[in-house]
PDB file of N, CA and C in Angstrom:
ATOM      1  N   MET A   1      -9.700 -60.647  43.059  1.00  0.00           N
ATOM      2  CA  MET A   1     -10.326 -59.611  42.018  1.00  0.00           C
ATOM      3  C   MET A   1      -9.329 -58.738  41.282  1.00  0.00           C
ATOM      4  N   SER A   2      -8.626 -58.865  40.399  1.00  0.00           N
ATOM      5  CA  SER A   2      -7.616 -58.046  39.953  1.00  0.00           C
ATOM      6  C   SER A   2      -8.382 -56.505  38.871  1.00  0.00           C
ATOM      7  N   GLU A   3      -8.043 -55.064  39.520  1.00  0.00           N
ATOM      8  CA  GLU A   3      -9.247 -54.036  38.700  1.00  0.00           C
ATOM      9  C   GLU A   3      -8.169 -54.044  37.662  1.00  0.00           C
ATOM     10  N   GLN A   4      -9.535 -53.968  36.927  1.00  0.00           N
ATOM     11  CA  GLN A   4      -8.980 -53.681  35.455  1.00  0.00           C
ATOM     12  C   GLN A   4      -8.796 -52.596  35.112  1.00  0.00           C
ATOM     13  N   ALA A   5      -7.400 -51.625  34.309  1.00  0.00           N
ATOM     14  CA  ALA A   5      -7.673 -50.270  33.876  1.00  0.00           C
ATOM     15  C   ALA A   5      -8.805 -50.001  32.653  1.00  0.00           C
ATOM     16  N   MET A   6      -8.854 -48.773  33.070  1.00  0.00           N
ATOM     17  CA  MET A   6     -10.148 -48.201  32.124  1.00  0.00           C
ATOM     18  C   MET A   6      -9.613 -46.866  31.623  1.00  0.00           C
ATOM     19  N   ASN A   7     -10.654 -47.186  30.033  1.00  0.00           N
ATOM     20  CA  ASN A   7      -9.382 -45.699  29.123  1.00  0.00           C
ATOM     21  C   ASN A   7     -10.824 -45.624  28.771  1.00  0.00           C
ATOM     22  N   SER A   8     -10.860 -43.978  28.760  1.00  0.00           N
ATOM     23  CA  SER A   8     -12.013 -43.122  27.991  1.00  0.00           C
ATOM     24  C   SER A   8     -12.644 -42.906  26.123  1.00  0.00           C
ATOM     25  N   TYR A   9     -13.207 -43.586  26.051  1.00  0.00           N
ATOM     26  CA  TYR A   9     -13.664 -43.705  25.094  1.00  0.00           C
ATOM     27  C   TYR A   9     -14.506 -42.544  24.393  1.00  0.00           C
ATOM     28  N   GLU A  10     -14.961 -42.117  23.450  1.00  0.00           N
ATOM     29  CA  GLU A  10     -16.006 -41.465  22.525  1.00  0.00           C
ATOM     30  C   GLU A  10     -16.738 -42.416  21.943  1.00  0.00           C
ATOM     31  N   LEU A  11     -17.843 -42.492  21.795  1.00  0.00           N
ATOM     32  CA  LEU A  11     -18.325 -43.346  21.202  1.00  0.00           C
ATOM     33  C   LEU A  11     -19.777 -42.575  20.366  1.00  0.00           C
ATOM     34  N   ILE A  12     -19.762 -42.236  18.824  1.00  0.00           N
ATOM     35  CA  ILE A  12     -20.688 -41.897  17.995  1.00  0.00           C
ATOM     36  C   ILE A  12     -21.688 -42.827  17.496  1.00  0.00           C
ATOM     37  N   TYR A  13     -23.011 -42.656  17.300  1.00  0.00           N
ATOM     38  CA  TYR A  13     -23.510 -43.477  16.828  1.00  0.00           C
ATOM     39  C   TYR A  13     -24.496 -42.977  15.862  1.00  0.00           C
ATOM     40  N   ILE A  14     -24.861 -43.157  14.876  1.00  0.00           N
ATOM     41  CA  ILE A  14     -25.983 -42.635  13.707  1.00  0.00           C
ATOM     42  C   ILE A  14     -27.662 -44.336  13.975  1.00  0.00           C
ATOM     43  N   ILE A  15     -28.454 -43.632  14.218  1.00  0.00           N
ATOM     44  CA  ILE A  15     -29.745 -44.210  14.373  1.00  0.00           C
ATOM     45  C   ILE A  15     -30.812 -43.960  13.222  1.00  0.00           C
ATOM     46  N   GLN A  16     -31.327 -44.657  12.330  1.00  0.00           N
ATOM     47  CA  GLN A  16     -32.420 -44.831  11.562  1.00  0.00           C
ATOM     48  C   GLN A  16     -33.320 -43.539  11.724  1.00  0.00           C
ATOM     49  N   PRO A  17     -33.331 -42.653  10.389  1.00  0.00           N
ATOM     50  CA  PRO A  17     -34.071 -41.704  10.929  1.00  0.00           C
ATOM     51  C   PRO A  17     -35.817 -42.381  10.940  1.00  0.00           C
ATOM     52  N   LYS A  18     -35.908 -43.559  10.357  1.00  0.00           N
ATOM     53  CA  LYS A  18     -37.918 -43.991  11.172  1.00  0.00           C
ATOM     54  C   LYS A  18     -37.999 -43.656  11.981  1.00  0.00           C
ATOM     55  N   LEU A  19     -36.952 -44.218  12.881  1.00  0.00           N
ATOM     56  CA  LEU A  19     -37.453 -44.334  14.242  1.00  0.00           C
ATOM     57  C   LEU A  19     -37.749 -43.029  15.433  1.00  0.00           C
ATOM     58  N   ASP A  20     -39.490 -42.529  16.184  1.00  0.00           N
ATOM     59  CA  ASP A  20     -39.758 -42.084  17.156  1.00  0.00           C
ATOM     60  C   ASP A  20     -38.919 -41.920  18.324  1.00  0.00           C
ATOM     61  N   GLU A  21     -38.903 -41.321  19.513  1.00  0.00           N
ATOM     62  CA  GLU A  21     -38.332 -41.058  20.105  1.00  0.00           C
ATOM     63  C   GLU A  21     -38.259 -42.443  21.024  1.00  0.00           C
ATOM     64  N   ASP A  22     -39.421 -43.030  21.241  1.00  0.00           N
ATOM     65  CA  ASP A  22     -39.260 -44.379  22.477  1.00  0.00           C
ATOM     66  C   ASP A  22     -38.598 -45.374  21.613  1.00  0.00           C
ATOM     67  N   GLY A  23     -38.144 -45.135  20.187  1.00  0.00           N
ATOM     68  CA  GLY A  23     -37.396 -46.212  19.754  1.00  0.00           C
ATOM     69  C   GLY A  23     -36.040 -45.824  19.343  1.00  0.00           C
ATOM     70  N   ILE A  24     -35.554 -44.457  19.435  1.00  0.00           N
ATOM     71  CA  ILE A  24     -34.465 -44.073  20.009  1.00  0.00           C
ATOM     72  C   ILE A  24     -33.870 -44.008  21.364  1.00  0.00           C
ATOM     73  N   ASN A  25     -34.496 -43.983  21.931  1.00  0.00           N
ATOM     74  CA  ASN A  25     -34.633 -44.430  23.779  1.00  0.00           C
ATOM     75  C   ASN A  25     -34.227 -46.115  24.115  1.00  0.00           C
ATOM     76  N   SER A  26     -35.054 -46.598  23.149  1.00  0.00           N
ATOM     77  CA  SER A  26     -34.662 -48.193  23.184  1.00  0.00           C
ATOM     78  C   SER A  26     -33.421 -48.422  22.859  1.00  0.00           C
ATOM     79  N   VAL A  27     -32.827 -48.127  21.403  1.00  0.00           N
ATOM     80  CA  VAL A  27     -31.514 -48.411  21.405  1.00  0.00           C
ATOM     81  C   VAL A  27     -30.644 -47.213  22.029  1.00  0.00           C
ATOM     82  N   ASN A  28     -31.204 -46.497  22.724  1.00  0.00           N
ATOM     83  CA  ASN A  28     -29.925 -46.103  23.078  1.00  0.00           C
ATOM     84  C   ASN A  28     -29.597 -47.143  24.374  1.00  0.00           C
ATOM     85  N   GLU A  29     -31.000 -47.455  25.289  1.00  0.00           N
ATOM     86  CA  GLU A  29     -31.138 -48.499  26.738  1.00  0.00           C
ATOM     87  C   GLU A  29     -30.083 -49.645  26.230  1.00  0.00           C
ATOM     88  N   ARG A  30     -30.273 -50.534  24.665  1.00  0.00           N
ATOM     89  CA  ARG A  30     -30.010 -51.117  24.470  1.00  0.00           C
ATOM     90  C   ARG A  30     -27.697 -50.868  24.589  1.00  0.00           C
ATOM     91  N   VAL A  31     -27.520 -49.924  23.818  1.00  0.00           N
ATOM     92  CA  VAL A  31     -26.198 -49.590  24.110  1.00  0.00           C
ATOM     93  C   VAL A  31     -25.586 -49.332  25.273  1.00  0.00           C
ATOM     94  N   THR A  32     -26.566 -49.086  26.312  1.00  0.00           N
ATOM     95  CA  THR A  32     -25.823 -48.496  27.023  1.00  0.00           C
ATOM     96  C   THR A  32     -25.561 -50.061  28.281  1.00  0.00           C
ATOM     97  N   GLN A  33     -26.696 -50.754  28.035  1.00  0.00           N
ATOM     98  CA  GLN A  33     -26.755 -52.273  28.963  1.00  0.00           C
ATOM     99  C   GLN A  33     -25.416 -53.057  28.226  1.00  0.00           C
ATOM    100  N   ALA A  34     -25.093 -52.554  26.883  1.00  0.00           N
ATOM    101  CA  ALA A  34     -24.248 -53.416  26.754  1.00  0.00           C
ATOM    102  C   ALA A  34     -22.622 -53.388  26.895  1.00  0.00           C
ATOM    103  N   ILE A  35     -22.900 -51.363  27.022  1.00  0.00           N
ATOM    104  CA  ILE A  35     -20.992 -51.064  27.656  1.00  0.00           C
ATOM    105  C   ILE A  35     -21.279 -51.088  29.620  1.00  0.00           C
ATOM    106  N   ALA A  36     -22.411 -51.623  29.995  1.00  0.00           N
ATOM    107  CA  ALA A  36     -22.702 -52.352  31.500  1.00  0.00           C
ATOM    108  C   ALA A  36     -22.203 -53.334  31.729  1.00  0.00           C
ATOM    109  N   GLY A  37     -22.563 -54.308  30.585  1.00  0.00           N
ATOM    110  CA  GLY A  37     -22.516 -55.681  30.686  1.00  0.00           C
ATOM    111  C   GLY A  37     -20.915 -55.833  30.663  1.00  0.00           C
ATOM    112  N   GLN A  38     -19.811 -55.106  29.847  1.00  0.00           N
ATOM    113  CA  GLN A  38     -18.817 -55.385  29.719  1.00  0.00           C
ATOM    114  C   GLN A  38     -17.590 -54.469  30.985  1.00  0.00           C
ATOM    115  N   GLU A  39     -18.451 -54.196  31.798  1.00  0.00           N
ATOM    116  CA  GLU A  39     -17.807 -53.127  33.465  1.00  0.00           C
ATOM    117  C   GLU A  39     -17.764 -52.425  33.454  1.00  0.00           C
ATOM    118  N   GLY A  40     -18.525 -51.142  31.986  1.00  0.00           N
ATOM    119  CA  GLY A  40     -17.910 -49.920  31.524  1.00  0.00           C
ATOM    120  C   GLY A  40     -19.100 -48.629  31.997  1.00  0.00           C
ATOM    121  N   GLN A  41     -19.148 -47.651  31.770  1.00  0.00           N
ATOM    122  CA  GLN A  41     -20.327 -46.683  32.820  1.00  0.00           C
ATOM    123  C   GLN A  41     -20.267 -45.860  31.400  1.00  0.00           C
ATOM    124  N   VAL A  42     -21.613 -45.424  31.309  1.00  0.00           N
ATOM    125  CA  VAL A  42     -21.534 -43.983  30.628  1.00  0.00           C
ATOM    126  C   VAL A  42     -21.561 -43.018  31.253  1.00  0.00           C
ATOM    127  N   VAL A  43     -20.349 -42.042  31.124  1.00  0.00           N
ATOM    128  CA  VAL A  43     -20.224 -40.607  31.687  1.00  0.00           C
ATOM    129  C   VAL A  43     -20.839 -39.876  31.321  1.00  0.00           C
ATOM    130  N   SER A  44     -21.437 -39.584  29.881  1.00  0.00           N
ATOM    131  CA  SER A  44     -22.225 -38.687  29.930  1.00  0.00           C
ATOM    132  C   SER A  44     -22.837 -38.802  28.376  1.00  0.00           C
ATOM    133  N   THR A  45     -23.878 -38.055  28.138  1.00  0.00           N
ATOM    134  CA  THR A  45     -24.853 -39.100  26.487  1.00  0.00           C
ATOM    135  C   THR A  45     -25.587 -37.602  26.211  1.00  0.00           C
ATOM    136  N   GLU A  46     -24.681 -37.285  24.581  1.00  0.00           N
ATOM    137  CA  GLU A  46     -25.643 -35.697  24.128  1.00  0.00           C
ATOM    138  C   GLU A  46     -26.706 -36.418  22.898  1.00  0.00           C
ATOM    139  N   LYS A  47     -27.858 -36.096  22.979  1.00  0.00           N
ATOM    140  CA  LYS A  47     -28.805 -36.677  21.773  1.00  0.00           C
ATOM    141  C   LYS A  47     -28.420 -35.411  20.752  1.00  0.00           C
ATOM    142  N   TRP A  48     -28.189 -35.841  19.469  1.00  0.00           N
ATOM    143  CA  TRP A  48     -27.804 -34.513  18.258  1.00  0.00           C
ATOM    144  C   TRP A  48     -28.848 -34.166  17.925  1.00  0.00           C
ATOM    145  N   GLY A  49     -29.936 -35.309  17.766  1.00  0.00           N
ATOM    146  CA  GLY A  49     -31.016 -34.868  17.115  1.00  0.00           C
ATOM    147  C   GLY A  49     -30.707 -35.666  15.826  1.00  0.00           C
ATOM    148  N   GLN A  50     -31.527 -34.880  14.382  1.00  0.00           N
ATOM    149  CA  GLN A  50     -31.630 -35.904  13.379  1.00  0.00           C
ATOM    150  C   GLN A  50     -31.429 -35.105  12.765  1.00  0.00           C
ATOM    151  N   ARG A  51     -29.899 -35.171  11.521  1.00  0.00           N
ATOM    152  CA  ARG A  51     -29.031 -34.544  11.170  1.00  0.00           C
ATOM    153  C   ARG A  51     -29.520 -34.996   9.792  1.00  0.00           C
ATOM    154  N   LYS A  52     -28.429 -34.027   8.889  1.00  0.00           N
ATOM    155  CA  LYS A  52     -28.427 -34.516   7.315  1.00  0.00           C
ATOM    156  C   LYS A  52     -27.296 -35.502   6.973  1.00  0.00           C
ATOM    157  N   LEU A  53     -27.112 -36.537   6.807  1.00  0.00           N
ATOM    158  CA  LEU A  53     -25.713 -37.104   6.360  1.00  0.00           C
ATOM    159  C   LEU A  53     -25.215 -36.833   5.367  1.00  0.00           C
ATOM    160  N   ALA A  54     -24.048 -36.383   4.955  1.00  0.00           N
ATOM    161  CA  ALA A  54     -23.228 -35.691   4.412  1.00  0.00           C
ATOM    162  C   ALA A  54     -23.275 -36.083   2.805  1.00  0.00           C
ATOM    163  N   TYR A  55     -23.717 -38.402   3.458  1.00  0.00           N
ATOM    164  CA  TYR A  55     -23.554 -39.404   1.672  1.00  0.00           C
ATOM    165  C   TYR A  55     -24.601 -40.282   2.354  1.00  0.00           C
ATOM    166  N   PRO A  56     -25.888 -40.500   1.320  1.00  0.00           N
ATOM    167  CA  PRO A  56     -26.827 -41.828   1.722  1.00  0.00           C
ATOM    168  C   PRO A  56     -25.531 -42.843   2.155  1.00  0.00           C
ATOM    169  N   ILE A  57     -26.142 -43.792   3.195  1.00  0.00           N
ATOM    170  CA  ILE A  57     -25.743 -44.631   3.902  1.00  0.00           C
ATOM    171  C   ILE A  57     -26.872 -45.578   3.867  1.00  0.00           C
ATOM    172  N   GLN A  58     -26.932 -46.707   3.786  1.00  0.00           N
ATOM    173  CA  GLN A  58     -27.947 -47.746   3.351  1.00  0.00           C
ATOM    174  C   GLN A  58     -28.928 -47.141   3.079  1.00  0.00           C
ATOM    175  N   ASN A  59     -29.479 -46.247   1.865  1.00  0.00           N
ATOM    176  CA  ASN A  59     -30.665 -45.692   1.594  1.00  0.00           C
ATOM    177  C   ASN A  59     -30.974 -44.559   2.113  1.00  0.00           C
ATOM    178  N   HIS A  60     -30.117 -43.928   2.908  1.00  0.00           N
ATOM    179  CA  HIS A  60     -31.107 -43.124   4.306  1.00  0.00           C
ATOM    180  C   HIS A  60     -29.828 -41.738   4.124  1.00  0.00           C
ATOM    181  N   PHE A  61     -30.907 -40.689   4.132  1.00  0.00           N
ATOM    182  CA  PHE A  61     -30.419 -39.385   3.637  1.00  0.00           C
ATOM    183  C   PHE A  61     -29.896 -38.561   5.129  1.00  0.00           C
ATOM    184  N   MET A  62     -31.271 -38.630   6.777  1.00  0.00           N
ATOM    185  CA  MET A  62     -31.099 -38.035   7.690  1.00  0.00           C
ATOM    186  C   MET A  62     -30.538 -39.036   9.056  1.00  0.00           C
ATOM    187  N   GLY A  63     -30.578 -38.855   9.633  1.00  0.00           N
ATOM    188  CA  GLY A  63     -29.988 -39.505  10.973  1.00  0.00           C
ATOM    189  C   GLY A  63     -30.164 -39.359  11.861  1.00  0.00           C
ATOM    190  N   ASN A  64     -30.504 -40.257  13.824  1.00  0.00           N
ATOM    191  CA  ASN A  64     -30.408 -39.540  14.736  1.00  0.00           C
ATOM    192  C   ASN A  64     -29.268 -39.768  15.244  1.00  0.00           C
ATOM    193  N   TYR A  65     -28.360 -38.944  16.198  1.00  0.00           N
ATOM    194  CA  TYR A  65     -26.634 -38.750  16.478  1.00  0.00           C
ATOM    195  C   TYR A  65     -27.094 -38.954  17.814  1.00  0.00           C
ATOM    196  N   ILE A  66     -26.551 -39.641  18.329  1.00  0.00           N
ATOM    197  CA  ILE A  66     -26.190 -39.938  19.944  1.00  0.00           C
ATOM    198  C   ILE A  66     -24.897 -39.714  19.951  1.00  0.00           C
ATOM    199  N   LEU A  67     -24.342 -39.260  20.992  1.00  0.00           N
ATOM    200  CA  LEU A  67     -22.755 -38.843  21.769  1.00  0.00           C
ATOM    201  C   LEU A  67     -22.724 -39.328  23.289  1.00  0.00           C
ATOM    202  N   HIS A  68     -21.720 -40.461  23.259  1.00  0.00           N
ATOM    203  CA  HIS A  68     -21.553 -41.330  24.517  1.00  0.00           C
ATOM    204  C   HIS A  68     -19.986 -40.939  24.921  1.00  0.00           C
ATOM    205  N   ASN A  69     -19.688 -40.389  25.893  1.00  0.00           N
ATOM    206  CA  ASN A  69     -18.135 -40.709  26.413  1.00  0.00           C
ATOM    207  C   ASN A  69     -18.289 -41.830  27.547  1.00  0.00           C
ATOM    208  N   VAL A  70     -17.757 -42.849  27.299  1.00  0.00           N
ATOM    209  CA  VAL A  70     -17.973 -43.801  28.464  1.00  0.00           C
ATOM    210  C   VAL A  70     -16.202 -44.466  28.320  1.00  0.00           C
ATOM    211  N   GLU A  71     -16.461 -44.847  30.055  1.00  0.00           N
ATOM    212  CA  GLU A  71     -15.530 -45.432  30.742  1.00  0.00           C
ATOM    213  C   GLU A  71     -15.724 -46.768  30.651  1.00  0.00           C
ATOM    214  N   MET A  72     -14.416 -47.696  30.387  1.00  0.00           N
ATOM    215  CA  MET A  72     -14.539 -48.933  29.508  1.00  0.00           C
ATOM    216  C   MET A  72     -13.135 -49.591  29.876  1.00  0.00           C
ATOM    217  N   PRO A  73     -13.482 -51.361  30.520  1.00  0.00           N
ATOM    218  CA  PRO A  73     -11.955 -51.592  29.787  1.00  0.00           C
ATOM    219  C   PRO A  73     -11.663 -52.286  28.356  1.00  0.00           C
ATOM    220  N   PRO A  74     -10.571 -51.691  27.753  1.00  0.00           N
ATOM    221  CA  PRO A  74      -9.626 -51.910  26.831  1.00  0.00           C
ATOM    222  C   PRO A  74     -10.616 -53.811  26.234  1.00  0.00           C
ATOM    223  N   ASN A  75     -10.422 -54.699  26.872  1.00  0.00           N
ATOM    224  CA  ASN A  75     -11.082 -55.706  26.045  1.00  0.00           C
ATOM    225  C   ASN A  75     -12.835 -55.715  26.091  1.00  0.00           C
ATOM    226  N   GLY A  76     -13.810 -55.267  26.441  1.00  0.00           N
ATOM    227  CA  GLY A  76     -14.556 -54.787  26.323  1.00  0.00           C
ATOM    228  C   GLY A  76     -15.291 -53.825  25.381  1.00  0.00           C
ATOM    229  N   VAL A  77     -14.797 -53.257  24.267  1.00  0.00           N
ATOM    230  CA  VAL A  77     -14.667 -52.601  23.306  1.00  0.00           C
ATOM    231  C   VAL A  77     -15.262 -53.653  21.920  1.00  0.00           C
ATOM    232  N   THR A  78     -14.691 -54.750  21.947  1.00  0.00           N
ATOM    233  CA  THR A  78     -15.354 -55.356  21.257  1.00  0.00           C
ATOM    234  C   THR A  78     -16.304 -56.299  20.744  1.00  0.00           C
ATOM    235  N   GLU A  79     -16.884 -56.481  21.990  1.00  0.00           N
ATOM    236  CA  GLU A  79     -18.248 -56.854  22.580  1.00  0.00           C
ATOM    237  C   GLU A  79     -19.250 -55.501  21.932  1.00  0.00           C
ATOM    238  N   VAL A  80     -18.952 -54.580  22.348  1.00  0.00           N
ATOM    239  CA  VAL A  80     -20.179 -53.554  22.212  1.00  0.00           C
ATOM    240  C   VAL A  80     -19.866 -53.052  21.016  1.00  0.00           C
ATOM    241  N   GLU A  81     -18.917 -53.111  19.865  1.00  0.00           N
ATOM    242  CA  GLU A  81     -18.718 -52.995  18.894  1.00  0.00           C
ATOM    243  C   GLU A  81     -19.907 -54.111  18.075  1.00  0.00           C
ATOM    244  N   ARG A  82     -19.690 -55.443  18.911  1.00  0.00           N
ATOM    245  CA  ARG A  82     -20.062 -56.862  17.676  1.00  0.00           C
ATOM    246  C   ARG A  82     -21.629 -56.087  17.765  1.00  0.00           C
ATOM    247  N   VAL A  83     -22.411 -56.119  19.507  1.00  0.00           N
ATOM    248  CA  VAL A  83     -23.848 -55.758  19.776  1.00  0.00           C
ATOM    249  C   VAL A  83     -24.271 -54.313  18.362  1.00  0.00           C
ATOM    250  N   MET A  84     -23.915 -53.504  18.568  1.00  0.00           N
ATOM    251  CA  MET A  84     -24.024 -52.371  17.859  1.00  0.00           C
ATOM    252  C   MET A  84     -24.188 -52.783  16.068  1.00  0.00           C
ATOM    253  N   ARG A  85     -22.696 -53.376  15.750  1.00  0.00           N
ATOM    254  CA  ARG A  85     -22.563 -53.972  14.889  1.00  0.00           C
ATOM    255  C   ARG A  85     -24.357 -54.975  13.957  1.00  0.00           C
ATOM    256  N   LEU A  86     -24.625 -55.496  14.988  1.00  0.00           N
ATOM    257  CA  LEU A  86     -25.419 -56.331  14.896  1.00  0.00           C
ATOM    258  C   LEU A  86     -27.052 -55.876  15.132  1.00  0.00           C
ATOM    259  N   HIS A  87     -27.074 -54.840  15.329  1.00  0.00           N
ATOM    260  CA  HIS A  87     -28.543 -53.301  16.070  1.00  0.00           C
ATOM    261  C   HIS A  87     -29.126 -53.730  14.895  1.00  0.00           C
ATOM    262  N   GLU A  88     -29.990 -53.981  14.006  1.00  0.00           N
ATOM    263  CA  GLU A  88     -30.710 -53.379  12.779  1.00  0.00           C
ATOM    264  C   GLU A  88     -30.947 -51.590  12.649  1.00  0.00           C
ATOM    265  N   ASP A  89     -31.253 -51.331  13.374  1.00  0.00           N
ATOM    266  CA  ASP A  89     -31.379 -50.142  13.587  1.00  0.00           C
ATOM    267  C   ASP A  89     -30.728 -48.907  13.904  1.00  0.00           C
ATOM    268  N   ILE A  90     -29.241 -49.029  13.970  1.00  0.00           N
ATOM    269  CA  ILE A  90     -27.452 -48.156  13.838  1.00  0.00           C
ATOM    270  C   ILE A  90     -27.150 -48.477  12.799  1.00  0.00           C
ATOM    271  N   ILE A  91     -27.290 -47.429  11.911  1.00  0.00           N
ATOM    272  CA  ILE A  91     -26.480 -47.347  10.439  1.00  0.00           C
ATOM    273  C   ILE A  91     -24.802 -47.603  10.334  1.00  0.00           C
ATOM    274  N   ARG A  92     -24.589 -47.065  11.161  1.00  0.00           N
ATOM    275  CA  ARG A  92     -23.272 -46.554  11.099  1.00  0.00           C
ATOM    276  C   ARG A  92     -22.312 -45.839  13.146  1.00  0.00           C
ATOM    277  N   PHE A  93     -21.328 -46.060  13.529  1.00  0.00           N
ATOM    278  CA  PHE A  93     -21.094 -45.933  14.737  1.00  0.00           C
ATOM    279  C   PHE A  93     -19.194 -45.682  13.924  1.00  0.00           C
ATOM    280  N   LEU A  94     -18.974 -45.396  15.286  1.00  0.00           N
ATOM    281  CA  LEU A  94     -17.767 -44.928  16.031  1.00  0.00           C
ATOM    282  C   LEU A  94     -17.362 -44.718  16.855  1.00  0.00           C
ATOM    283  N   MET A  95     -16.135 -45.938  17.643  1.00  0.00           N
ATOM    284  CA  MET A  95     -15.704 -45.344  19.112  1.00  0.00           C
ATOM    285  C   MET A  95     -13.961 -44.991  18.941  1.00  0.00           C
ATOM    286  N   ILE A  96     -13.616 -44.378  19.653  1.00  0.00           N
ATOM    287  CA  ILE A  96     -11.922 -44.049  19.799  1.00  0.00           C
ATOM    288  C   ILE A  96     -11.686 -43.352  21.224  1.00  0.00           C
ATOM    289  N   ARG A  97     -10.746 -43.967  21.227  1.00  0.00           N
ATOM    290  CA  ARG A  97     -10.226 -44.048  22.744  1.00  0.00           C
ATOM    291  C   ARG A  97      -9.663 -42.729  23.445  1.00  0.00           C
ATOM    292  N   LYS A  98      -9.894 -41.738  23.917  1.00  0.00           N
ATOM    293  CA  LYS A  98      -9.402 -40.786  24.287  1.00  0.00           C
ATOM    294  C   LYS A  98      -7.931 -40.604  24.792  1.00  0.00           C
ATOM    295  N   GLU A  99      -7.006 -39.466  24.334  1.00  0.00           N
ATOM    296  CA  GLU A  99      -5.871 -39.670  24.767  1.00  0.00           C
ATOM    297  C   GLU A  99      -6.169 -39.354  26.608  1.00  0.00           C
ATOM    298  N   ASP A 100      -5.030 -39.573  26.977  1.00  0.00           N
ATOM    299  CA  ASP A 100      -5.269 -39.086  28.589  1.00  0.00           C
ATOM    300  C   ASP A 100      -4.398 -37.832  28.051  1.00  0.00           C
ATOM    301  N   GLU A 101      -4.812 -37.117  29.101  1.00  0.00           N
ATOM    302  CA  GLU A 101      -4.552 -35.806  29.448  1.00  0.00           C
ATOM    303  C   GLU A 101      -2.981 -35.692  30.050  1.00  0.00           C
ATOM    304  N   VAL A 102      -3.026 -36.646  31.076  1.00  0.00           N
ATOM    305  CA  VAL A 102      -1.845 -36.715  31.664  1.00  0.00           C
ATOM    306  C   VAL A 102      -0.263 -37.154  30.382  1.00  0.00           C
ATOM    307  N   GLN A 103      -0.475 -37.699  29.791  1.00  0.00           N
ATOM    308  CA  GLN A 103       0.263 -37.841  28.226  1.00  0.00           C
ATOM    309  C   GLN A 103       0.321 -37.020  27.025  1.00  0.00           C
ATOM    310  N   THR A 104      -0.807 -35.913  27.385  1.00  0.00           N
ATOM    311  CA  THR A 104      -0.700 -34.902  26.270  1.00  0.00           C
ATOM    312  C   THR A 104      -0.098 -33.693  27.085  1.00  0.00           C
ATOM    313  N   GLU A 105      -0.265 -33.351  28.103  1.00  0.00           N
ATOM    314  CA  GLU A 105       0.770 -32.460  28.888  1.00  0.00           C
ATOM    315  C   GLU A 105       2.208 -33.142  29.136  1.00  0.00           C
ATOM    316  N   THR A 106       2.736 -33.835  28.664  1.00  0.00           N
ATOM    317  CA  THR A 106       4.125 -34.430  28.843  1.00  0.00           C
ATOM    318  C   THR A 106       4.695 -35.092  28.010  1.00  0.00           C
ATOM    319  N   GLU A 107       4.109 -34.800  26.860  1.00  0.00           N
ATOM    320  CA  GLU A 107       4.367 -33.878  25.490  1.00  0.00           C
ATOM    321  C   GLU A 107       4.505 -32.906  25.274  1.00  0.00           C
ATOM    322  N   GLU A 108       4.095 -32.074  25.320  1.00  0.00           N
ATOM    323  CA  GLU A 108       4.026 -30.678  25.085  1.00  0.00           C
ATOM    324  C   GLU A 108       5.532 -30.605  26.109  1.00  0.00           C
ATOM    325  N   GLY A 109       5.302 -30.817  27.202  1.00  0.00           N
ATOM    326  CA  GLY A 109       6.432 -30.469  27.645  1.00  0.00           C
ATOM    327  C   GLY A 109       7.751 -30.517  26.984  1.00  0.00           C
ATOM    328  N   GLY A 110       7.970 -31.927  26.324  1.00  0.00           N
ATOM    329  CA  GLY A 110       9.018 -32.972  26.154  1.00  0.00           C
ATOM    330  C   GLY A 110       9.491 -31.767  24.698  1.00  0.00           C
ATOM    331  N   GLU A 111       8.886 -30.700  23.744  1.00  0.00           N
ATOM    332  CA  GLU A 111       9.141 -30.300  22.913  1.00  0.00           C
ATOM    333  C   GLU A 111       9.383 -29.481  23.043  1.00  0.00           C
ATOM    334  N   GLU A 112      10.156 -28.676  23.957  1.00  0.00           N
ATOM    335  CA  GLU A 112      11.171 -27.427  24.290  1.00  0.00           C
ATOM    336  C   GLU A 112      12.322 -27.514  23.628  1.00  0.00           C
TER     337      GLU A 112
END
């Protein structure tokens, strides 16, 4: 077996405001399972709680925000996004790849 390169990602998603704490934990667990199913791991999780949305999304004015820092192979992103898109309690999500710190340092050093 060959070892795949792992990229670091930030994943933030908004859950419908009508869910109680058990429902939020259930959605969070489902997302974590989807990440683990793609040979990824959740490095850290921050629950930001319920916040007002900047604009209505699917007739919701509030949402529960959750942020994950994830390490995962690049080919697993598509499947995790598919699972989140199909989950009816997730009203919006965004996954972005974090820049490598080594690349940032060399770019800064080359601007002299």
